[in-house]
Amino acid sequence: MKNIKIKTRGMHCGSCEMLVKDSLEELEGVEKADANFKSGIIEVDFDEGKITEKDVMEIIKSEGYEIE
């Protein structure tokens, strides 16, 4: 299991946190996701055998948030 923390821009509220968290946790291989709009940090635990870090970042971008 790999853990990454990704600094983002564009999250403004608790709804943004839930949107990102839910989108990531729907992916096969993502064990846990957490987002904090105040810090802009998204933390993800995932199985590298099922999904890549790049895949995780693409989902975040597809939800409208920028990776710093």
N, C-alpha and C. Protein backbone atom coordinates (compact mmCIF):
# COMPACT_ATOMS: atom_id res chain seq x y z
N MET A 1 0.85 -1.18 0.00
CA MET A 1 0.00 0.00 0.00
C MET A 1 0.89 1.23 0.00
N LYS A 2 0.60 2.16 -0.86
CA LYS A 2 1.36 3.41 -0.95
C LYS A 2 0.49 4.55 -0.45
N ASN A 3 1.12 5.51 0.21
CA ASN A 3 0.44 6.70 0.71
C ASN A 3 1.06 7.91 0.04
N ILE A 4 0.23 8.75 -0.55
CA ILE A 4 0.73 9.99 -1.14
C ILE A 4 -0.08 11.17 -0.61
N LYS A 5 0.57 12.32 -0.57
CA LYS A 5 -0.09 13.58 -0.23
C LYS A 5 0.11 14.50 -1.42
N ILE A 6 -0.99 15.03 -1.92
CA ILE A 6 -0.96 15.86 -3.12
C ILE A 6 -1.48 17.24 -2.77
N LYS A 7 -0.69 18.25 -3.07
CA LYS A 7 -1.09 19.65 -2.86
C LYS A 7 -1.90 20.10 -4.07
N THR A 8 -3.08 20.63 -3.80
CA THR A 8 -3.97 21.06 -4.88
C THR A 8 -4.44 22.50 -4.69
N ARG A 9 -5.06 23.02 -5.73
CA ARG A 9 -5.73 24.32 -5.67
C ARG A 9 -7.14 24.15 -6.19
N GLY A 10 -8.06 24.89 -5.62
CA GLY A 10 -9.42 24.91 -6.14
C GLY A 10 -10.49 24.40 -5.20
N MET A 11 -10.09 23.73 -4.12
CA MET A 11 -11.10 23.28 -3.15
C MET A 11 -11.46 24.47 -2.26
N HIS A 12 -12.78 24.71 -2.11
CA HIS A 12 -13.22 25.89 -1.37
C HIS A 12 -14.11 25.59 -0.17
N CYS A 13 -14.56 24.31 -0.06
CA CYS A 13 -15.51 24.00 1.02
C CYS A 13 -15.55 22.50 1.30
N GLY A 14 -16.36 22.14 2.26
CA GLY A 14 -16.52 20.74 2.62
C GLY A 14 -17.10 19.90 1.50
N SER A 15 -17.94 20.50 0.67
CA SER A 15 -18.50 19.77 -0.48
C SER A 15 -17.40 19.38 -1.46
N CYS A 16 -16.43 20.27 -1.64
CA CYS A 16 -15.29 19.97 -2.51
C CYS A 16 -14.52 18.77 -1.95
N GLU A 17 -14.31 18.77 -0.65
CA GLU A 17 -13.61 17.65 0.00
C GLU A 17 -14.33 16.34 -0.28
N MET A 18 -15.64 16.33 -0.08
CA MET A 18 -16.42 15.10 -0.26
C MET A 18 -16.42 14.64 -1.72
N LEU A 19 -16.49 15.57 -2.65
CA LEU A 19 -16.48 15.23 -4.07
C LEU A 19 -15.20 14.49 -4.43
N VAL A 20 -14.07 15.03 -4.03
CA VAL A 20 -12.79 14.42 -4.34
C VAL A 20 -12.65 13.08 -3.62
N LYS A 21 -12.98 13.06 -2.35
CA LYS A 21 -12.87 11.83 -1.55
C LYS A 21 -13.71 10.72 -2.17
N ASP A 22 -14.96 11.00 -2.48
CA ASP A 22 -15.85 9.99 -3.04
C ASP A 22 -15.37 9.52 -4.41
N SER A 23 -14.92 10.44 -5.25
CA SER A 23 -14.44 10.07 -6.59
C SER A 23 -13.24 9.15 -6.51
N LEU A 24 -12.33 9.45 -5.60
CA LEU A 24 -11.13 8.62 -5.46
C LEU A 24 -11.46 7.26 -4.86
N GLU A 25 -12.31 7.23 -3.86
CA GLU A 25 -12.62 5.97 -3.19
C GLU A 25 -13.45 5.03 -4.06
N GLU A 26 -14.03 5.52 -5.14
CA GLU A 26 -14.75 4.67 -6.09
C GLU A 26 -13.79 3.86 -6.96
N LEU A 27 -12.54 4.29 -7.04
CA LEU A 27 -11.57 3.62 -7.89
C LEU A 27 -11.08 2.31 -7.29
N GLU A 28 -10.99 1.29 -8.12
CA GLU A 28 -10.44 0.02 -7.66
C GLU A 28 -8.97 0.24 -7.31
N GLY A 29 -8.59 -0.18 -6.14
CA GLY A 29 -7.21 -0.03 -5.69
C GLY A 29 -7.02 1.09 -4.69
N VAL A 30 -7.98 2.02 -4.61
CA VAL A 30 -7.88 3.08 -3.61
C VAL A 30 -8.49 2.57 -2.31
N GLU A 31 -7.67 2.50 -1.29
CA GLU A 31 -8.10 2.01 0.02
C GLU A 31 -8.79 3.13 0.81
N LYS A 32 -8.19 4.32 0.78
CA LYS A 32 -8.71 5.44 1.57
C LYS A 32 -8.27 6.75 0.92
N ALA A 33 -9.14 7.73 0.96
CA ALA A 33 -8.81 9.07 0.48
C ALA A 33 -9.33 10.08 1.49
N ASP A 34 -8.60 11.16 1.65
CA ASP A 34 -9.00 12.23 2.55
C ASP A 34 -8.59 13.55 1.90
N ALA A 35 -9.43 14.55 2.01
CA ALA A 35 -9.15 15.86 1.43
C ALA A 35 -9.40 16.94 2.47
N ASN A 36 -8.58 17.98 2.43
CA ASN A 36 -8.73 19.10 3.34
C ASN A 36 -8.70 20.38 2.51
N PHE A 37 -9.84 21.05 2.42
CA PHE A 37 -9.89 22.24 1.57
C PHE A 37 -9.07 23.39 2.13
N LYS A 38 -8.92 23.47 3.43
CA LYS A 38 -8.16 24.57 4.02
C LYS A 38 -6.68 24.49 3.66
N SER A 39 -6.12 23.29 3.70
CA SER A 39 -4.70 23.12 3.37
C SER A 39 -4.50 22.83 1.89
N GLY A 40 -5.55 22.35 1.22
CA GLY A 40 -5.43 21.96 -0.18
C GLY A 40 -4.78 20.60 -0.36
N ILE A 41 -4.63 19.86 0.73
CA ILE A 41 -3.96 18.56 0.68
C ILE A 41 -4.98 17.43 0.51
N ILE A 42 -4.68 16.55 -0.44
CA ILE A 42 -5.44 15.32 -0.62
C ILE A 42 -4.48 14.17 -0.31
N GLU A 43 -4.88 13.30 0.60
CA GLU A 43 -4.06 12.17 0.99
C GLU A 43 -4.76 10.89 0.53
N VAL A 44 -3.99 10.03 -0.13
CA VAL A 44 -4.57 8.83 -0.71
C VAL A 44 -3.72 7.61 -0.37
N ASP A 45 -4.38 6.54 0.09
CA ASP A 45 -3.74 5.24 0.29
C ASP A 45 -4.24 4.34 -0.84
N PHE A 46 -3.31 3.75 -1.60
CA PHE A 46 -3.73 2.93 -2.73
C PHE A 46 -2.77 1.78 -2.99
N ASP A 47 -3.27 0.79 -3.71
CA ASP A 47 -2.52 -0.39 -4.09
C ASP A 47 -1.87 -0.13 -5.44
N GLU A 48 -0.54 -0.05 -5.43
CA GLU A 48 0.19 0.25 -6.67
C GLU A 48 0.05 -0.84 -7.73
N GLY A 49 -0.40 -2.01 -7.34
CA GLY A 49 -0.63 -3.08 -8.29
C GLY A 49 -1.92 -2.91 -9.07
N LYS A 50 -2.80 -2.04 -8.60
CA LYS A 50 -4.10 -1.84 -9.23
C LYS A 50 -4.28 -0.46 -9.85
N ILE A 51 -3.57 0.53 -9.34
CA ILE A 51 -3.74 1.90 -9.80
C ILE A 51 -2.42 2.65 -9.60
N THR A 52 -2.17 3.64 -10.44
CA THR A 52 -0.92 4.39 -10.33
C THR A 52 -1.17 5.77 -9.72
N GLU A 53 -0.08 6.38 -9.30
CA GLU A 53 -0.14 7.75 -8.78
C GLU A 53 -0.67 8.69 -9.86
N LYS A 54 -0.27 8.45 -11.09
CA LYS A 54 -0.74 9.28 -12.21
C LYS A 54 -2.26 9.15 -12.36
N ASP A 55 -2.79 7.94 -12.22
CA ASP A 55 -4.25 7.74 -12.30
C ASP A 55 -4.97 8.56 -11.23
N VAL A 56 -4.42 8.55 -10.02
CA VAL A 56 -5.00 9.30 -8.91
C VAL A 56 -5.03 10.79 -9.25
N MET A 57 -3.91 11.30 -9.76
CA MET A 57 -3.84 12.72 -10.11
C MET A 57 -4.80 13.08 -11.24
N GLU A 58 -4.98 12.18 -12.19
CA GLU A 58 -5.91 12.43 -13.30
C GLU A 58 -7.35 12.55 -12.80
N ILE A 59 -7.73 11.75 -11.83
CA ILE A 59 -9.08 11.83 -11.26
C ILE A 59 -9.26 13.18 -10.56
N ILE A 60 -8.26 13.61 -9.81
CA ILE A 60 -8.34 14.91 -9.13
C ILE A 60 -8.50 16.03 -10.16
N LYS A 61 -7.73 15.98 -11.23
CA LYS A 61 -7.83 16.99 -12.28
C LYS A 61 -9.19 16.94 -12.97
N SER A 62 -9.72 15.73 -13.17
CA SER A 62 -11.00 15.60 -13.87
C SER A 62 -12.15 16.19 -13.05
N GLU A 63 -11.95 16.31 -11.74
CA GLU A 63 -12.96 16.93 -10.88
C GLU A 63 -12.82 18.45 -10.84
N GLY A 64 -11.82 18.98 -11.55
CA GLY A 64 -11.69 20.43 -11.68
C GLY A 64 -10.66 21.07 -10.77
N TYR A 65 -9.81 20.27 -10.12
CA TYR A 65 -8.81 20.82 -9.20
C TYR A 65 -7.43 20.75 -9.84
N GLU A 66 -6.60 21.70 -9.49
CA GLU A 66 -5.24 21.78 -10.02
C GLU A 66 -4.25 21.14 -9.07
N ILE A 67 -3.27 20.46 -9.63
CA ILE A 67 -2.19 19.88 -8.85
C ILE A 67 -1.07 20.91 -8.78
N GLU A 68 -0.56 21.16 -7.59
CA GLU A 68 0.54 22.13 -7.45
C GLU A 68 1.87 21.41 -7.51
